[in-house]
Amino acid sequence: MSQVIRVAIYARVSTEEQAEHGYSIDAQLDNLRTYCKMHQKVIYSEYVDRGISGKSMDGRLELQRLLRDAKNKEFDEVLVWKINRISRRTIDLLKIVEDLNRCGITFRSFSENFETETPMGRFALQMLGAVGELERNTIVDNVKMGMKERARSGQWNGGIVLGYRSLQSSFDRKRNNSKLEIVPEEASIIRDIFELYAAGKGLKAIANHLNHKGFKTKRGNAFSTSAIKEIITNPVYIGKIRFNRFENWNERRRKGKNSDPIIVDGNHEPIISQDLWDKVQLLQQKKSSVSPRQFDGNYTLTGLIRCPKCGAAMVSSRTINRNKNGERIVRRYYSCGNFRSKGSNVCNANSIRADEAEQYVYYRIKEVVNNPKILKDIVLNINKQKKSSILPLKNELQQIEKKISQFEAKRKKYFDLYEEDAIDREMLVKRLDELKEESNALYSRKSEIEWNLGDDNSQPIDYGFVKTILERLDKVLKEASSQKIKALLHLIVKRIGVKDRQIERIELNFNESTQQHFLNLAPSDNDSGGANAFPKQKLSHVRFSIVL
């Protein structure tokens, strides 16, 4: 008797593909289900990412769930409509297929009609993946080339900028035919910003001034120092077009800044004069050339402590005083990041002494390590909460699946009404769009619940595992350098809560990255001995948080 092949179906469509090419999740699934039926294969589960791009794997919960189930050998084969449904990047595609092969799982494409069990199949996969990525990169390059040509001719390539609105041609609604028009009330804010800076005001003082007056950025947010700096360095306000300031920003981040962007005369009206612009640029360059203040000590908890009022990350600050003998006294603090960048209208300083905060965090971790009963009680309470949270999720999942099963009946009902002339075509399209929007929201929530139920996040936490991690963290805190401590704390600490200028709670995050650094692959350090200080251990796939 032949073995039954369990198939995992994966389908994906991005919002752009649905709009531009009419790709359909339902069509993909119908074809793949029919294929399984014809070949007498059992569908283990369907993993569907709706409205998500294939450019990267970030945010694709269903793909992540599929890969997790593959590690547990829940199925024998992964079936997709086309290979680019898995990924449009060849390197990601090959890695996924290689991971599946290690688990003894076949990857099969329906429309390209090949599998990866044979050398020719693997070769075809690589070729198709390369062709798909070449096609995508060619399209991207062509679009970039067209936008550069538009910029060089002084045309606006789209986007939002305070002081202007982007108008589209009445005969062509495409984005690339947009033009900038001054918004008078916003233009007055821009003039104020440039005049205040030219008068000697700093970035924070200007942001604070605007926020106290109730002004907002183009996106409706409070002004920050970075927002002010972006405005005073943007040549759009003297009638220029600036384009290609960043290259491959997603991949290269700060290294992706272009030293030679396109800056040409635009086809729009300037808001400020050339003289005011030149004065502001001269002042800005002088200020930026001043050496930054050197802070004594290292702030190992920067970004981890959260403001008790607004929830923003707290950043480093300090005060310098002198005692009666004239001796210089430097005190370190953590202060609200919103206050530091946006001023007192947004939040208060809510400062907490840095030395006291750091000592408390280190002491609390040591206390938990040295007192097993405290840690056991913490783990016991979390496991109770986990157990009580599973049932509501399962009930919610049942309700969602029930609603999803009703959508096809509703669709048929509206088509029947349309055929009977009870509703017109406009009403039919409207109702189908509403059903689709509601359906997508339910599918998204369904994916999230299934991920949480299937993830180790729903499994009991092992006390011994947590104790091992914290013991090794305690060792690092005693022996490593400040820079190493900061890096490792940012790996394991999710957030630190403050109340009445005291540390209230420390939330630790445990995942595969945490394990790699604290069990197997801890970065070497001259003081701590790094990874060599700890014996090698097998990693387990866990993801959970605990509060100390």
Protein backbone atom coordinates (compact mmCIF):
# COMPACT_ATOMS: atom_id res chain seq x y z
CA MET A 1 0.00 0.00 0.00
CA SER A 2 1.49 3.36 -1.07
CA GLN A 3 2.17 6.00 1.58
CA VAL A 4 -0.25 8.93 1.71
CA ILE A 5 1.51 12.20 0.86
CA ARG A 6 0.57 15.09 3.14
CA VAL A 7 0.68 18.42 1.31
CA ALA A 8 1.06 21.94 2.70
CA ILE A 9 -0.42 24.48 0.27
CA TYR A 10 1.09 27.97 0.33
CA ALA A 11 -0.53 30.92 -1.45
CA ARG A 12 0.27 34.63 -1.43
CA VAL A 13 -0.77 37.76 -3.26
CA SER A 14 0.28 41.35 -2.68
CA THR A 15 -2.12 44.27 -2.84
CA GLU A 16 -0.36 45.59 -5.97
CA GLU A 17 -0.53 42.25 -7.76
CA GLN A 18 -4.22 41.91 -6.99
CA ALA A 19 -4.91 45.41 -8.31
CA GLU A 20 -2.65 45.39 -11.36
CA HIS A 21 -2.68 41.79 -12.57
CA GLY A 22 -5.89 40.37 -11.10
CA TYR A 23 -4.04 37.61 -9.24
CA SER A 24 -6.43 35.82 -6.95
CA ILE A 25 -5.83 33.82 -3.78
CA ASP A 26 -8.98 31.83 -4.47
CA ALA A 27 -7.83 30.93 -7.98
CA GLN A 28 -4.46 29.76 -6.66
CA LEU A 29 -6.09 27.64 -3.98
CA ASP A 30 -8.64 26.12 -6.38
CA ASN A 31 -5.89 25.01 -8.78
CA LEU A 32 -3.76 23.55 -5.99
CA ARG A 33 -6.67 21.73 -4.36
CA THR A 34 -7.64 20.22 -7.71
CA TYR A 35 -4.05 19.08 -8.27
CA CYS A 36 -3.97 17.33 -4.87
CA LYS A 37 -7.29 15.64 -5.56
CA MET A 38 -6.17 14.39 -8.98
CA HIS A 39 -2.95 12.96 -7.56
CA GLN A 40 -4.64 11.52 -4.46
CA LYS A 41 -2.64 13.68 -2.04
CA VAL A 42 -3.99 14.79 1.34
CA ILE A 43 -3.99 18.50 2.13
CA TYR A 44 -2.50 18.87 5.61
CA SER A 45 -3.12 22.63 5.83
CA GLU A 46 -3.38 25.78 3.73
CA TYR A 47 -1.07 28.69 4.56
CA VAL A 48 -2.23 31.96 3.01
CA ASP A 49 -0.59 35.42 3.22
CA ARG A 50 -2.99 38.01 1.84
CA GLY A 51 -1.95 41.45 0.61
CA ILE A 52 1.73 40.92 1.48
CA SER A 53 4.69 41.53 -0.83
CA GLY A 54 7.12 38.73 -1.70
CA LYS A 55 10.10 41.07 -1.48
CA SER A 56 10.98 39.94 2.05
CA MET A 57 9.88 37.39 4.63
CA ASP A 58 9.06 40.00 7.28
CA GLY A 59 5.45 40.04 8.41
CA ARG A 60 4.50 36.85 6.58
CA LEU A 61 3.04 34.93 9.52
CA GLU A 62 1.67 32.09 7.44
CA LEU A 63 5.03 31.43 5.77
CA GLN A 64 6.69 31.45 9.18
CA ARG A 65 4.04 29.04 10.47
CA LEU A 66 4.65 26.76 7.47
CA LEU A 67 8.40 26.71 8.13
CA ARG A 68 7.84 25.99 11.80
CA ASP A 69 5.51 23.08 10.98
CA ALA A 70 8.07 21.83 8.46
CA LYS A 71 10.68 21.58 11.23
CA ASN A 72 8.20 19.37 13.10
CA LYS A 73 7.74 17.25 9.91
CA GLU A 74 3.97 17.82 9.89
CA PHE A 75 3.78 17.27 6.09
CA ASP A 76 5.73 15.73 3.21
CA GLU A 77 5.41 18.30 0.44
CA VAL A 78 4.98 22.05 -0.06
CA LEU A 79 2.90 23.02 -3.08
CA VAL A 80 2.73 26.55 -4.54
CA TRP A 81 1.12 28.01 -7.65
CA LYS A 82 4.40 29.66 -8.76
CA ILE A 83 7.81 29.75 -7.10
CA ASN A 84 7.64 33.55 -6.73
CA ARG A 85 4.76 33.03 -4.29
CA ILE A 86 7.37 31.85 -1.77
CA SER A 87 9.83 34.67 -2.43
CA ARG A 88 10.95 37.06 -5.17
CA ARG A 89 14.50 37.00 -3.85
CA THR A 90 16.54 34.07 -5.09
CA ILE A 91 18.65 33.86 -1.93
CA ASP A 92 15.53 33.60 0.28
CA LEU A 93 13.91 31.09 -2.06
CA LEU A 94 16.96 28.80 -2.12
CA LYS A 95 17.36 28.98 1.66
CA ILE A 96 13.70 28.03 2.23
CA VAL A 97 13.93 25.11 -0.20
CA GLU A 98 17.19 23.96 1.38
CA ASP A 99 15.59 24.06 4.84
CA LEU A 100 12.67 22.01 3.52
CA ASN A 101 15.04 19.48 1.94
CA ARG A 102 16.86 19.04 5.26
CA CYS A 103 13.51 18.08 6.78
CA GLY A 104 12.90 15.60 3.96
CA ILE A 105 10.13 17.78 2.48
CA THR A 106 9.64 18.24 -1.27
CA PHE A 107 9.00 21.68 -2.76
CA ARG A 108 6.74 21.64 -5.81
CA SER A 109 5.54 24.39 -8.17
CA PHE A 110 2.20 23.79 -9.89
CA SER A 111 2.44 26.13 -12.91
CA GLU A 112 6.15 25.59 -13.57
CA ASN A 113 5.59 21.82 -13.28
CA PHE A 114 8.74 20.72 -11.48
CA GLU A 115 9.81 19.51 -8.06
CA THR A 116 13.08 19.58 -6.14
CA GLU A 117 13.70 15.86 -5.61
CA THR A 118 15.96 15.62 -8.68
CA PRO A 119 19.15 17.47 -9.69
CA MET A 120 17.38 18.83 -12.80
CA GLY A 121 14.50 20.03 -10.64
CA ARG A 122 16.86 21.88 -8.31
CA PHE A 123 18.68 23.38 -11.30
CA ALA A 124 15.36 24.54 -12.79
CA LEU A 125 14.43 26.09 -9.46
CA GLN A 126 17.63 28.12 -9.36
CA MET A 127 17.19 29.26 -12.96
CA LEU A 128 13.55 30.26 -12.50
CA GLY A 129 14.38 32.03 -9.25
CA ALA A 130 17.19 33.96 -10.93
CA VAL A 131 14.98 34.88 -13.90
CA GLY A 132 12.20 36.05 -11.55
CA GLU A 133 14.58 38.22 -9.55
CA LEU A 134 16.14 39.59 -12.78
CA GLU A 135 12.68 40.49 -14.04
CA ARG A 136 11.81 42.27 -10.82
CA ASN A 137 15.14 44.14 -10.67
CA THR A 138 14.79 45.19 -14.33
CA ILE A 139 11.37 46.66 -13.64
CA VAL A 140 12.71 48.46 -10.56
CA ASP A 141 15.66 49.87 -12.54
CA ASN A 142 13.37 51.08 -15.34
CA VAL A 143 11.11 52.81 -12.83
CA LYS A 144 14.10 54.43 -11.12
CA MET A 145 15.46 55.59 -14.49
CA GLY A 146 12.14 57.20 -15.39
CA MET A 147 11.90 58.94 -12.03
CA LYS A 148 15.46 60.26 -12.34
CA GLU A 149 14.67 61.73 -15.76
CA ARG A 150 11.55 63.38 -14.35
CA ALA A 151 13.57 64.82 -11.47
CA ARG A 152 16.25 66.18 -13.81
CA SER A 153 13.53 68.00 -15.75
CA GLY A 154 12.33 69.65 -12.52
CA GLN A 155 9.21 67.52 -12.02
CA TRP A 156 7.93 66.23 -8.70
CA ASN A 157 8.03 62.44 -8.28
CA GLY A 158 5.36 62.31 -5.60
CA GLY A 159 5.35 62.16 -1.83
CA ILE A 160 4.17 64.45 0.94
CA VAL A 161 6.02 67.51 2.18
CA LEU A 162 4.90 70.17 4.65
CA GLY A 163 4.11 73.46 2.92
CA TYR A 164 2.88 71.94 -0.32
CA ARG A 165 0.14 69.71 -1.65
CA SER A 166 0.68 67.34 -4.53
CA LEU A 167 -1.77 67.92 -7.39
CA GLN A 168 -2.41 65.48 -10.20
CA SER A 169 -3.18 66.35 -13.79
CA SER A 170 -6.92 66.40 -14.56
CA PHE A 171 -6.36 64.34 -17.72
CA ASP A 172 -4.03 61.77 -16.16
CA ARG A 173 -4.41 60.59 -12.57
CA LYS A 174 -1.12 58.70 -12.44
CA ARG A 175 1.17 59.61 -9.58
CA ASN A 176 4.07 60.56 -11.84
CA ASN A 177 2.11 63.53 -13.22
CA SER A 178 1.81 65.26 -9.85
CA LYS A 179 2.80 68.89 -9.27
CA LEU A 180 3.49 70.87 -6.10
CA GLU A 181 1.20 73.71 -5.01
CA ILE A 182 1.77 75.88 -1.91
CA VAL A 183 -0.56 75.40 1.07
CA PRO A 184 -0.62 78.93 2.64
CA GLU A 185 -1.22 77.90 6.29
CA GLU A 186 1.56 75.29 6.11
CA ALA A 187 3.92 77.65 4.27
CA SER A 188 3.71 80.10 7.20
CA ILE A 189 4.97 77.34 9.53
CA ILE A 190 7.89 76.70 7.18
CA ARG A 191 8.79 80.41 7.14
CA ASP A 192 8.64 80.50 10.96
CA ILE A 193 10.99 77.54 11.22
CA PHE A 194 13.61 79.07 8.92
CA GLU A 195 13.36 82.52 10.53
CA LEU A 196 13.62 81.11 14.07
CA TYR A 197 16.68 79.07 13.14
CA ALA A 198 18.28 82.08 11.42
CA ALA A 199 17.63 84.06 14.62
CA GLY A 200 19.69 81.56 16.62
CA LYS A 201 17.05 79.19 17.96
CA GLY A 202 18.04 75.52 18.25
CA LEU A 203 16.20 72.50 16.84
CA LYS A 204 14.59 71.56 20.18
CA ALA A 205 13.58 75.15 20.95
CA ILE A 206 11.86 75.44 17.55
CA ALA A 207 10.09 72.08 17.97
CA ASN A 208 8.93 73.08 21.45
CA HIS A 209 7.69 76.45 20.15
CA LEU A 210 5.63 74.86 17.36
CA ASN A 211 4.22 72.14 19.61
CA HIS A 212 3.08 74.68 22.20
CA LYS A 213 1.22 76.50 19.43
CA GLY A 214 -0.51 73.26 18.47
CA PHE A 215 1.05 72.91 15.03
CA LYS A 216 1.46 69.43 13.52
CA THR A 217 3.64 67.82 10.87
CA LYS A 218 2.17 66.74 7.53
CA ARG A 219 1.39 63.33 9.05
CA GLY A 220 -0.35 64.88 12.05
CA ASN A 221 2.45 64.27 14.56
CA ALA A 222 4.16 66.60 17.01
CA PHE A 223 7.35 68.26 15.74
CA SER A 224 10.67 66.70 16.77
CA THR A 225 14.26 67.84 16.39
CA SER A 226 14.73 65.43 13.49
CA ALA A 227 11.61 66.80 11.75
CA ILE A 228 12.92 70.36 12.07
CA LYS A 229 16.33 69.38 10.75
CA GLU A 230 14.73 67.60 7.78
CA ILE A 231 12.83 70.80 6.92
CA ILE A 232 15.74 73.25 7.19
CA THR A 233 17.91 71.06 4.95
CA ASN A 234 15.26 70.41 2.27
CA PRO A 235 15.91 72.53 -0.86
CA VAL A 236 12.30 72.06 -2.03
CA TYR A 237 11.51 75.25 -0.09
CA ILE A 238 13.66 77.38 -2.42
CA GLY A 239 12.04 75.90 -5.51
CA LYS A 240 14.46 72.99 -6.01
CA ILE A 241 13.78 69.32 -6.71
CA ARG A 242 15.94 66.88 -4.75
CA PHE A 243 15.89 63.23 -5.75
CA ASN A 244 17.88 60.04 -5.22
CA ARG A 245 19.07 61.15 -1.78
CA PHE A 246 19.08 57.50 -0.68
CA GLU A 247 20.07 54.37 -2.57
CA ASN A 248 18.99 50.86 -1.48
CA TRP A 249 17.91 52.35 1.86
CA ASN A 250 16.01 49.19 2.89
CA GLU A 251 19.09 47.01 2.57
CA ARG A 252 21.88 49.39 3.48
CA ARG A 253 20.20 51.78 5.94
CA ARG A 254 22.60 54.55 6.96
CA LYS A 255 25.19 53.41 4.41
CA GLY A 256 22.61 53.94 1.67
CA LYS A 257 22.84 57.74 1.77
CA ASN A 258 23.82 59.15 -1.61
CA SER A 259 26.61 61.77 -1.48
CA ASP A 260 25.61 63.18 -4.87
CA PRO A 261 21.79 63.42 -5.13
CA ILE A 262 19.98 65.12 -8.01
CA ILE A 263 19.24 68.78 -7.13
CA VAL A 264 17.79 70.94 -9.91
CA ASP A 265 15.40 73.87 -10.35
CA GLY A 266 11.82 72.69 -9.93
CA ASN A 267 8.59 73.70 -11.59
CA HIS A 268 7.03 74.85 -8.32
CA GLU A 269 6.99 78.16 -6.44
CA PRO A 270 9.51 78.61 -3.56
CA ILE A 271 8.35 79.36 -0.01
CA ILE A 272 11.49 81.05 1.33
CA SER A 273 14.10 83.31 -0.22
CA GLN A 274 17.56 82.23 -1.34
CA ASP A 275 19.17 84.63 1.18
CA LEU A 276 17.31 83.08 4.13
CA TRP A 277 18.17 79.59 2.89
CA ASP A 278 21.89 80.44 2.58
CA LYS A 279 21.97 81.90 6.10
CA VAL A 280 20.28 78.87 7.63
CA GLN A 281 22.57 76.43 5.77
CA LEU A 282 25.65 78.29 6.96
CA LEU A 283 24.45 78.18 10.58
CA GLN A 284 23.48 74.52 10.31
CA GLN A 285 26.88 73.55 8.89
CA LYS A 286 28.69 75.42 11.66
CA LYS A 287 26.64 73.71 14.36
CA SER A 288 27.06 70.27 12.82
CA SER A 289 30.85 70.73 12.64
CA VAL A 290 31.10 71.27 16.42
CA SER A 291 32.41 68.18 18.18
CA PRO A 292 29.63 66.32 20.01
CA ARG A 293 29.72 66.31 23.81
CA GLN A 294 31.52 63.35 25.26
CA PHE A 295 29.42 61.64 27.92
CA ASP A 296 31.21 60.05 30.85
CA GLY A 297 30.25 56.40 31.20
CA ASN A 298 27.97 54.23 29.14
CA TYR A 299 24.19 54.17 29.23
CA THR A 300 23.49 50.43 29.04
CA LEU A 301 19.70 50.80 29.39
CA THR A 302 19.17 53.45 26.68
CA GLY A 303 15.97 52.71 24.75
CA LEU A 304 14.92 49.92 27.14
CA ILE A 305 13.42 52.09 29.89
CA ARG A 306 10.01 53.48 28.93
CA CYS A 307 8.59 56.84 29.95
CA PRO A 308 5.79 56.33 32.53
CA LYS A 309 3.73 59.14 30.98
CA CYS A 310 3.91 58.72 27.18
CA GLY A 311 5.60 55.32 26.78
CA ALA A 312 8.48 56.66 24.66
CA ALA A 313 11.95 55.20 25.05
CA MET A 314 14.05 57.09 27.60
CA VAL A 315 17.42 58.38 26.42
CA SER A 316 20.64 59.51 28.02
CA SER A 317 21.04 62.92 29.67
CA ARG A 318 23.23 64.45 32.33
CA THR A 319 23.65 67.45 34.59
CA ILE A 320 26.91 69.13 35.62
CA ASN A 321 27.16 70.89 38.98
CA ARG A 322 29.91 71.96 41.35
CA ASN A 323 30.11 71.38 45.07
CA LYS A 324 31.25 73.88 47.70
CA ASN A 325 34.87 73.09 46.92
CA GLY A 326 34.35 73.84 43.23
CA GLU A 327 34.66 70.17 42.30
CA ARG A 328 32.80 69.22 39.11
CA ILE A 329 29.97 66.71 39.67
CA VAL A 330 28.40 64.88 36.72
CA ARG A 331 25.09 63.08 37.26
CA ARG A 332 23.73 60.69 34.67
CA TYR A 333 20.00 60.30 33.98
CA TYR A 334 17.57 58.56 31.66
CA SER A 335 14.98 61.07 30.40
CA CYS A 336 11.92 60.84 28.14
CA GLY A 337 12.93 60.75 24.47
CA ASN A 338 9.84 62.72 23.43
CA PHE A 339 10.69 65.49 25.89
CA ARG A 340 14.27 65.58 24.69
CA SER A 341 13.35 65.88 21.01
CA LYS A 342 9.88 67.51 21.03
CA GLY A 343 9.77 69.62 24.17
CA SER A 344 7.60 70.07 27.26
CA ASN A 345 4.29 70.38 25.36
CA VAL A 346 4.55 66.70 24.39
CA CYS A 347 5.87 65.23 27.66
CA ASN A 348 7.96 65.88 30.76
CA ALA A 349 11.54 64.82 31.46
CA ASN A 350 10.45 62.14 33.99
CA SER A 351 14.15 61.57 34.62
CA ILE A 352 15.48 58.62 36.59
CA ARG A 353 19.04 58.38 37.94
CA ALA A 354 21.08 56.20 35.59
CA ASP A 355 23.33 54.68 38.27
CA GLU A 356 20.37 53.66 40.43
CA ALA A 357 18.39 52.23 37.47
CA GLU A 358 21.32 50.16 36.19
CA GLN A 359 22.24 48.88 39.64
CA TYR A 360 18.63 47.85 40.31
CA VAL A 361 18.31 45.94 37.01
CA TYR A 362 21.58 44.09 37.62
CA TYR A 363 20.64 43.40 41.27
CA ARG A 364 17.16 42.12 40.34
CA ILE A 365 18.57 39.62 37.84
CA LYS A 366 21.13 38.46 40.41
CA GLU A 367 18.42 38.16 43.08
CA VAL A 368 16.26 35.97 40.85
CA VAL A 369 19.23 33.76 39.94
CA ASN A 370 20.31 33.32 43.57
CA ASN A 371 16.80 32.67 44.88
CA PRO A 372 15.26 29.75 42.93
CA LYS A 373 11.90 30.14 44.70
CA ILE A 374 11.37 33.63 43.20
CA LEU A 375 12.08 32.40 39.68
CA LYS A 376 9.96 29.26 40.16
CA ASP A 377 7.01 31.40 41.29
CA ILE A 378 7.42 33.69 38.25
CA VAL A 379 7.53 30.75 35.82
CA LEU A 380 4.57 29.04 37.57
CA ASN A 381 2.39 32.17 37.29
CA ILE A 382 3.26 32.67 33.62
CA ASN A 383 2.41 29.05 32.81
CA LYS A 384 -0.96 29.46 34.55
CA GLN A 385 -1.66 32.57 32.45
CA LYS A 386 -0.63 30.78 29.27
CA LYS A 387 -2.94 27.87 30.00
CA SER A 388 -5.89 30.17 30.72
CA SER A 389 -5.29 32.19 27.53
CA ILE A 390 -5.39 29.20 25.13
CA LEU A 391 -9.11 28.45 25.46
CA PRO A 392 -10.28 32.00 24.52
CA LEU A 393 -8.00 31.90 21.46
CA LYS A 394 -9.40 28.53 20.39
CA ASN A 395 -12.96 29.82 20.83
CA GLU A 396 -12.17 32.95 18.81
CA LEU A 397 -10.62 30.80 16.07
CA GLN A 398 -13.78 28.71 15.86
CA GLN A 399 -15.92 31.83 15.48
CA ILE A 400 -13.63 33.21 12.77
CA GLU A 401 -13.70 29.94 10.82
CA LYS A 402 -17.50 29.90 11.09
CA LYS A 403 -17.72 33.45 9.69
CA ILE A 404 -15.28 32.64 6.89
CA SER A 405 -17.36 29.64 5.87
CA GLN A 406 -20.37 31.95 5.50
CA PHE A 407 -18.69 34.29 3.02
CA GLU A 408 -19.21 32.06 -0.02
CA ALA A 409 -22.93 31.82 0.78
CA LYS A 410 -23.12 35.61 1.07
CA ARG A 411 -21.30 36.05 -2.26
CA LYS A 412 -23.73 33.66 -3.96
CA LYS A 413 -26.66 35.52 -2.42
CA TYR A 414 -25.55 38.85 -3.92
CA PHE A 415 -24.94 37.28 -7.34
CA ASP A 416 -28.45 35.78 -7.21
CA LEU A 417 -29.91 39.19 -6.32
CA TYR A 418 -27.98 40.76 -9.21
CA GLU A 419 -29.25 38.15 -11.68
CA GLU A 420 -32.80 38.80 -10.46
CA ASP A 421 -32.28 42.58 -11.01
CA ALA A 422 -32.88 43.16 -7.28
CA ILE A 423 -29.61 45.13 -7.10
CA ASP A 424 -27.60 46.94 -9.77
CA ARG A 425 -23.97 46.28 -10.75
CA GLU A 426 -22.66 49.18 -8.67
CA MET A 427 -24.29 47.81 -5.53
CA LEU A 428 -22.99 44.30 -6.33
CA VAL A 429 -19.41 45.51 -6.68
CA LYS A 430 -19.68 47.58 -3.51
CA ARG A 431 -20.98 44.67 -1.43
CA LEU A 432 -18.40 42.24 -2.84
CA ASP A 433 -15.62 44.72 -1.99
CA GLU A 434 -16.98 45.06 1.55
CA LEU A 435 -17.10 41.27 1.92
CA LYS A 436 -13.56 40.98 0.63
CA GLU A 437 -12.27 43.61 3.08
CA GLU A 438 -14.02 41.89 5.98
CA SER A 439 -12.76 38.51 4.81
CA ASN A 440 -9.14 39.69 4.58
CA ALA A 441 -9.33 41.09 8.15
CA LEU A 442 -10.64 37.75 9.44
CA TYR A 443 -7.99 35.76 7.57
CA SER A 444 -5.30 38.04 9.00
CA ARG A 445 -6.57 37.51 12.55
CA LYS A 446 -6.90 33.76 11.88
CA SER A 447 -3.22 33.59 10.86
CA GLU A 448 -2.21 35.47 14.01
CA ILE A 449 -4.20 33.13 16.28
CA GLU A 450 -2.94 29.98 14.54
CA TRP A 451 0.61 31.28 14.89
CA ASN A 452 0.15 31.87 18.62
CA LEU A 453 -1.56 28.53 19.21
CA GLY A 454 1.02 26.58 17.22
CA ASP A 455 4.00 28.54 18.49
CA ASP A 456 6.01 27.54 21.53
CA ASN A 457 4.58 30.74 22.99
CA SER A 458 1.55 28.64 23.99
CA GLN A 459 3.68 25.86 25.49
CA PRO A 460 4.69 25.74 29.19
CA ILE A 461 7.93 27.52 30.02
CA ASP A 462 10.75 25.31 31.27
CA TYR A 463 12.14 26.61 34.57
CA GLY A 464 15.57 25.04 34.00
CA PHE A 465 15.93 26.72 30.63
CA VAL A 466 15.12 30.19 32.02
CA LYS A 467 17.45 29.67 34.98
CA THR A 468 20.34 28.72 32.67
CA ILE A 469 19.86 31.84 30.52
CA LEU A 470 19.69 34.17 33.54
CA GLU A 471 22.72 32.59 35.21
CA ARG A 472 24.77 33.28 32.13
CA LEU A 473 23.41 36.80 31.81
CA ASP A 474 24.41 37.40 35.45
CA LYS A 475 27.93 36.21 34.63
CA VAL A 476 28.14 38.62 31.70
CA LEU A 477 26.90 41.53 33.86
CA LYS A 478 29.72 40.85 36.34
CA GLU A 479 32.58 40.42 33.91
CA ALA A 480 31.88 41.95 30.47
CA SER A 481 32.60 45.46 29.23
CA SER A 482 29.89 48.15 29.24
CA GLN A 483 29.51 47.94 25.45
CA LYS A 484 29.02 44.16 25.62
CA ILE A 485 26.52 44.49 28.49
CA LYS A 486 24.49 47.00 26.53
CA ALA A 487 24.41 44.77 23.42
CA LEU A 488 23.31 41.70 25.38
CA LEU A 489 20.72 43.57 27.45
CA HIS A 490 19.15 44.82 24.24
CA LEU A 491 18.91 41.19 23.12
CA ILE A 492 17.07 39.93 26.18
CA VAL A 493 15.28 42.93 27.76
CA LYS A 494 12.02 43.80 26.03
CA ARG A 495 11.20 46.86 28.12
CA ILE A 496 11.70 48.34 31.59
CA GLY A 497 8.74 50.08 33.22
CA VAL A 498 9.10 53.08 35.55
CA LYS A 499 6.73 54.40 38.22
CA ASP A 500 7.38 57.31 40.59
CA ARG A 501 10.94 57.57 39.27
CA GLN A 502 11.64 53.96 40.28
CA ILE A 503 12.00 50.77 38.23
CA GLU A 504 8.64 48.98 38.46
CA ARG A 505 9.05 45.97 36.12
CA ILE A 506 11.67 44.34 33.91
CA GLU A 507 10.25 42.38 30.97
CA LEU A 508 12.64 39.85 29.44
CA ASN A 509 12.21 38.42 25.96
CA PHE A 510 13.31 34.85 25.14
CA ASN A 511 13.66 33.66 21.53
CA GLU A 512 16.10 31.81 19.27
CA SER A 513 18.40 34.83 19.07
CA THR A 514 18.56 34.92 22.87
CA GLN A 515 19.47 31.24 22.98
CA GLN A 516 22.21 31.62 20.37
CA HIS A 517 23.91 34.36 22.34
CA PHE A 518 23.52 32.95 25.83
CA LEU A 519 23.75 29.19 25.23
CA ASN A 520 25.93 28.57 22.19
CA LEU A 521 27.12 31.64 20.41
CA ALA A 522 27.72 34.29 23.07
CA PRO A 523 30.03 36.93 21.54
CA SER A 524 33.55 36.58 22.88
CA ASP A 525 34.74 39.23 25.28
CA ASN A 526 38.15 39.70 26.80
CA ASP A 527 36.64 40.01 30.24
CA SER A 528 33.93 37.36 30.14
CA GLY A 529 35.44 34.62 28.02
CA GLY A 530 32.41 34.80 25.70
CA ALA A 531 31.07 31.59 24.20
CA ASN A 532 34.00 29.57 25.53
CA ALA A 533 32.77 30.21 29.05
CA PHE A 534 29.65 28.14 28.41
CA PRO A 535 29.30 24.53 27.24
CA LYS A 536 27.52 23.92 23.93
CA GLN A 537 23.81 23.15 24.26
CA LYS A 538 21.15 22.12 21.82
CA LEU A 539 18.84 25.01 20.90
CA SER A 540 15.11 24.69 21.42
CA HIS A 541 12.58 26.76 19.50
CA VAL A 542 11.03 28.98 22.16
CA ARG A 543 9.53 32.46 22.21
CA PHE A 544 8.12 33.97 25.37
CA SER A 545 8.44 36.83 27.86
CA ILE A 546 8.72 36.92 31.65
CA VAL A 547 8.52 39.84 34.08
CA LEU A 548 10.98 40.15 36.97
